[in-house]
Amino acid sequence: MKIQIPDYIQVLIDLLNQNGYSAYVVGGAIRNALLELPIHDYDL
């Protein structure tokens, strides 16, 4: 399953990764995506 995330979240993840950090979407956003519920916020 591939979860669609907004471009601004992907930009943050890419920026963190480029600077030596690992960043992933976690928490309620993943739960809501799996349950096909609206996602209101993203935890990295």
PDB file of N, CA and C in Angstrom:
ATOM      1  N   MET A   1       0.848  -1.171   0.000  1.00  0.00           N
ATOM      2  CA  MET A   1       0.000   0.000   0.000  1.00  0.00           C
ATOM      3  C   MET A   1       0.892   1.232   0.000  1.00  0.00           C
ATOM      4  N   LYS A   2       0.575   2.177  -0.848  1.00  0.00           N
ATOM      5  CA  LYS A   2       1.306   3.437  -0.882  1.00  0.00           C
ATOM      6  C   LYS A   2       0.361   4.539  -0.418  1.00  0.00           C
ATOM      7  N   ILE A   3       0.791   5.294   0.576  1.00  0.00           N
ATOM      8  CA  ILE A   3      -0.031   6.357   1.148  1.00  0.00           C
ATOM      9  C   ILE A   3       0.343   7.678   0.500  1.00  0.00           C
ATOM     10  N   GLN A   4      -0.652   8.389   0.005  1.00  0.00           N
ATOM     11  CA  GLN A   4      -0.423   9.703  -0.584  1.00  0.00           C
ATOM     12  C   GLN A   4      -0.227  10.726   0.541  1.00  0.00           C
ATOM     13  N   ILE A   5       0.850  11.479   0.461  1.00  0.00           N
ATOM     14  CA  ILE A   5       1.083  12.548   1.430  1.00  0.00           C
ATOM     15  C   ILE A   5       1.218  13.852   0.665  1.00  0.00           C
ATOM     16  N   PRO A   6       0.869  14.961   1.306  1.00  0.00           N
ATOM     17  CA  PRO A   6       0.974  16.255   0.627  1.00  0.00           C
ATOM     18  C   PRO A   6       2.423  16.573   0.252  1.00  0.00           C
ATOM     19  N   ASP A   7       2.572  17.361  -0.795  1.00  0.00           N
ATOM     20  CA  ASP A   7       3.910  17.741  -1.259  1.00  0.00           C
ATOM     21  C   ASP A   7       4.731  18.407  -0.162  1.00  0.00           C
ATOM     22  N   TYR A   8       4.106  19.260   0.658  1.00  0.00           N
ATOM     23  CA  TYR A   8       4.878  19.973   1.679  1.00  0.00           C
ATOM     24  C   TYR A   8       5.437  19.018   2.733  1.00  0.00           C
ATOM     25  N   ILE A   9       4.762  17.907   2.984  1.00  0.00           N
ATOM     26  CA  ILE A   9       5.291  16.906   3.911  1.00  0.00           C
ATOM     27  C   ILE A   9       6.462  16.172   3.265  1.00  0.00           C
ATOM     28  N   GLN A  10       6.330  15.837   1.982  1.00  0.00           N
ATOM     29  CA  GLN A  10       7.418  15.157   1.271  1.00  0.00           C
ATOM     30  C   GLN A  10       8.654  16.041   1.204  1.00  0.00           C
ATOM     31  N   VAL A  11       8.467  17.352   1.016  1.00  0.00           N
ATOM     32  CA  VAL A  11       9.599  18.284   0.991  1.00  0.00           C
ATOM     33  C   VAL A  11      10.331  18.250   2.331  1.00  0.00           C
ATOM     34  N   LEU A  12       9.585  18.241   3.438  1.00  0.00           N
ATOM     35  CA  LEU A  12      10.214  18.176   4.762  1.00  0.00           C
ATOM     36  C   LEU A  12      10.987  16.872   4.945  1.00  0.00           C
ATOM     37  N   ILE A  13      10.391  15.757   4.545  1.00  0.00           N
ATOM     38  CA  ILE A  13      11.063  14.461   4.661  1.00  0.00           C
ATOM     39  C   ILE A  13      12.341  14.458   3.834  1.00  0.00           C
ATOM     40  N   ASP A  14      12.258  14.944   2.595  1.00  0.00           N
ATOM     41  CA  ASP A  14      13.438  14.982   1.723  1.00  0.00           C
ATOM     42  C   ASP A  14      14.532  15.863   2.310  1.00  0.00           C
ATOM     43  N   LEU A  15      14.162  17.017   2.846  1.00  0.00           N
ATOM     44  CA  LEU A  15      15.130  17.937   3.438  1.00  0.00           C
ATOM     45  C   LEU A  15      15.840  17.290   4.627  1.00  0.00           C
ATOM     46  N   LEU A  16      15.078  16.642   5.486  1.00  0.00           N
ATOM     47  CA  LEU A  16      15.683  15.951   6.626  1.00  0.00           C
ATOM     48  C   LEU A  16      16.604  14.827   6.163  1.00  0.00           C
ATOM     49  N   ASN A  17      16.150  14.032   5.196  1.00  0.00           N
ATOM     50  CA  ASN A  17      16.971  12.928   4.681  1.00  0.00           C
ATOM     51  C   ASN A  17      18.262  13.436   4.055  1.00  0.00           C
ATOM     52  N   GLN A  18      18.213  14.536   3.321  1.00  0.00           N
ATOM     53  CA  GLN A  18      19.399  15.101   2.676  1.00  0.00           C
ATOM     54  C   GLN A  18      20.415  15.615   3.688  1.00  0.00           C
ATOM     55  N   ASN A  19      19.948  15.895   4.899  1.00  0.00           N
ATOM     56  CA  ASN A  19      20.837  16.422   5.928  1.00  0.00           C
ATOM     57  C   ASN A  19      21.208  15.374   6.975  1.00  0.00           C
ATOM     58  N   GLY A  20      21.087  14.110   6.591  1.00  0.00           N
ATOM     59  CA  GLY A  20      21.577  13.038   7.445  1.00  0.00           C
ATOM     60  C   GLY A  20      20.596  12.488   8.460  1.00  0.00           C
ATOM     61  N   TYR A  21      19.345  12.892   8.393  1.00  0.00           N
ATOM     62  CA  TYR A  21      18.333  12.396   9.320  1.00  0.00           C
ATOM     63  C   TYR A  21      17.428  11.402   8.610  1.00  0.00           C
ATOM     64  N   SER A  22      16.821  10.524   9.369  1.00  0.00           N
ATOM     65  CA  SER A  22      15.794   9.633   8.834  1.00  0.00           C
ATOM     66  C   SER A  22      14.444  10.185   9.259  1.00  0.00           C
ATOM     67  N   ALA A  23      13.537  10.310   8.319  1.00  0.00           N
ATOM     68  CA  ALA A  23      12.213  10.837   8.631  1.00  0.00           C
ATOM     69  C   ALA A  23      11.157   9.981   7.949  1.00  0.00           C
ATOM     70  N   TYR A  24      10.119   9.667   8.700  1.00  0.00           N
ATOM     71  CA  TYR A  24       9.028   8.836   8.215  1.00  0.00           C
ATOM     72  C   TYR A  24       7.716   9.409   8.730  1.00  0.00           C
ATOM     73  N   VAL A  25       6.644   9.173   8.007  1.00  0.00           N
ATOM     74  CA  VAL A  25       5.310   9.495   8.508  1.00  0.00           C
ATOM     75  C   VAL A  25       4.907   8.354   9.435  1.00  0.00           C
ATOM     76  N   VAL A  26       4.454   8.696  10.637  1.00  0.00           N
ATOM     77  CA  VAL A  26       4.088   7.700  11.646  1.00  0.00           C
ATOM     78  C   VAL A  26       2.776   8.103  12.313  1.00  0.00           C
ATOM     79  N   GLY A  27       2.290   7.259  13.185  1.00  0.00           N
ATOM     80  CA  GLY A  27       1.171   7.597  14.046  1.00  0.00           C
ATOM     81  C   GLY A  27      -0.190   7.579  13.374  1.00  0.00           C
ATOM     82  N   GLY A  28      -0.995   8.553  13.768  1.00  0.00           N
ATOM     83  CA  GLY A  28      -2.386   8.610  13.341  1.00  0.00           C
ATOM     84  C   GLY A  28      -2.580   8.713  11.844  1.00  0.00           C
ATOM     85  N   ALA A  29      -1.649   9.328  11.145  1.00  0.00           N
ATOM     86  CA  ALA A  29      -1.778   9.439   9.688  1.00  0.00           C
ATOM     87  C   ALA A  29      -1.754   8.055   9.050  1.00  0.00           C
ATOM     88  N   ILE A  30      -0.892   7.181   9.540  1.00  0.00           N
ATOM     89  CA  ILE A  30      -0.818   5.821   9.011  1.00  0.00           C
ATOM     90  C   ILE A  30      -2.086   5.057   9.367  1.00  0.00           C
ATOM     91  N   ARG A  31      -2.499   5.165  10.621  1.00  0.00           N
ATOM     92  CA  ARG A  31      -3.729   4.490  11.060  1.00  0.00           C
ATOM     93  C   ARG A  31      -4.910   4.922  10.207  1.00  0.00           C
ATOM     94  N   ASN A  32      -5.072   6.245  10.045  1.00  0.00           N
ATOM     95  CA  ASN A  32      -6.206   6.750   9.283  1.00  0.00           C
ATOM     96  C   ASN A  32      -6.146   6.320   7.824  1.00  0.00           C
ATOM     97  N   ALA A  33      -4.964   6.303   7.251  1.00  0.00           N
ATOM     98  CA  ALA A  33      -4.827   5.863   5.860  1.00  0.00           C
ATOM     99  C   ALA A  33      -5.248   4.402   5.719  1.00  0.00           C
ATOM    100  N   LEU A  34      -4.822   3.563   6.650  1.00  0.00           N
ATOM    101  CA  LEU A  34      -5.183   2.146   6.601  1.00  0.00           C
ATOM    102  C   LEU A  34      -6.681   1.932   6.777  1.00  0.00           C
ATOM    103  N   LEU A  35      -7.305   2.781   7.594  1.00  0.00           N
ATOM    104  CA  LEU A  35      -8.748   2.682   7.831  1.00  0.00           C
ATOM    105  C   LEU A  35      -9.561   3.497   6.826  1.00  0.00           C
ATOM    106  N   GLU A  36      -8.864   4.115   5.879  1.00  0.00           N
ATOM    107  CA  GLU A  36      -9.490   4.960   4.857  1.00  0.00           C
ATOM    108  C   GLU A  36     -10.294   6.105   5.479  1.00  0.00           C
ATOM    109  N   LEU A  37      -9.722   6.694   6.526  1.00  0.00           N
ATOM    110  CA  LEU A  37     -10.305   7.857   7.192  1.00  0.00           C
ATOM    111  C   LEU A  37      -9.529   9.098   6.781  1.00  0.00           C
ATOM    112  N   PRO A  38     -10.131  10.279   6.935  1.00  0.00           N
ATOM    113  CA  PRO A  38      -9.393  11.507   6.597  1.00  0.00           C
ATOM    114  C   PRO A  38      -8.173  11.683   7.496  1.00  0.00           C
ATOM    115  N   ILE A  39      -7.126  12.232   6.920  1.00  0.00           N
ATOM    116  CA  ILE A  39      -5.899  12.518   7.669  1.00  0.00           C
ATOM    117  C   ILE A  39      -5.874  14.013   7.946  1.00  0.00           C
ATOM    118  N   HIS A  40      -5.802  14.362   9.228  1.00  0.00           N
ATOM    119  CA  HIS A  40      -5.847  15.768   9.625  1.00  0.00           C
ATOM    120  C   HIS A  40      -4.479  16.336   9.975  1.00  0.00           C
ATOM    121  N   ASP A  41      -3.544  15.470  10.344  1.00  0.00           N
ATOM    122  CA  ASP A  41      -2.199  15.939  10.664  1.00  0.00           C
ATOM    123  C   ASP A  41      -1.206  14.810  10.422  1.00  0.00           C
ATOM    124  N   TYR A  42       0.051  15.182  10.340  1.00  0.00           N
ATOM    125  CA  TYR A  42       1.115  14.223  10.035  1.00  0.00           C
ATOM    126  C   TYR A  42       2.180  14.306  11.107  1.00  0.00           C
ATOM    127  N   ASP A  43       2.553  13.149  11.632  1.00  0.00           N
ATOM    128  CA  ASP A  43       3.650  13.055  12.594  1.00  0.00           C
ATOM    129  C   ASP A  43       4.850  12.490  11.857  1.00  0.00           C
ATOM    130  N   LEU A  44       6.011  13.155  12.041  1.00  0.00           N
ATOM    131  CA  LEU A  44       7.251  12.673  11.428  1.00  0.00           C
ATOM    132  C   LEU A  44       8.157  12.141  12.508  1.00  0.00           C
TER     133      LEU A  44
END
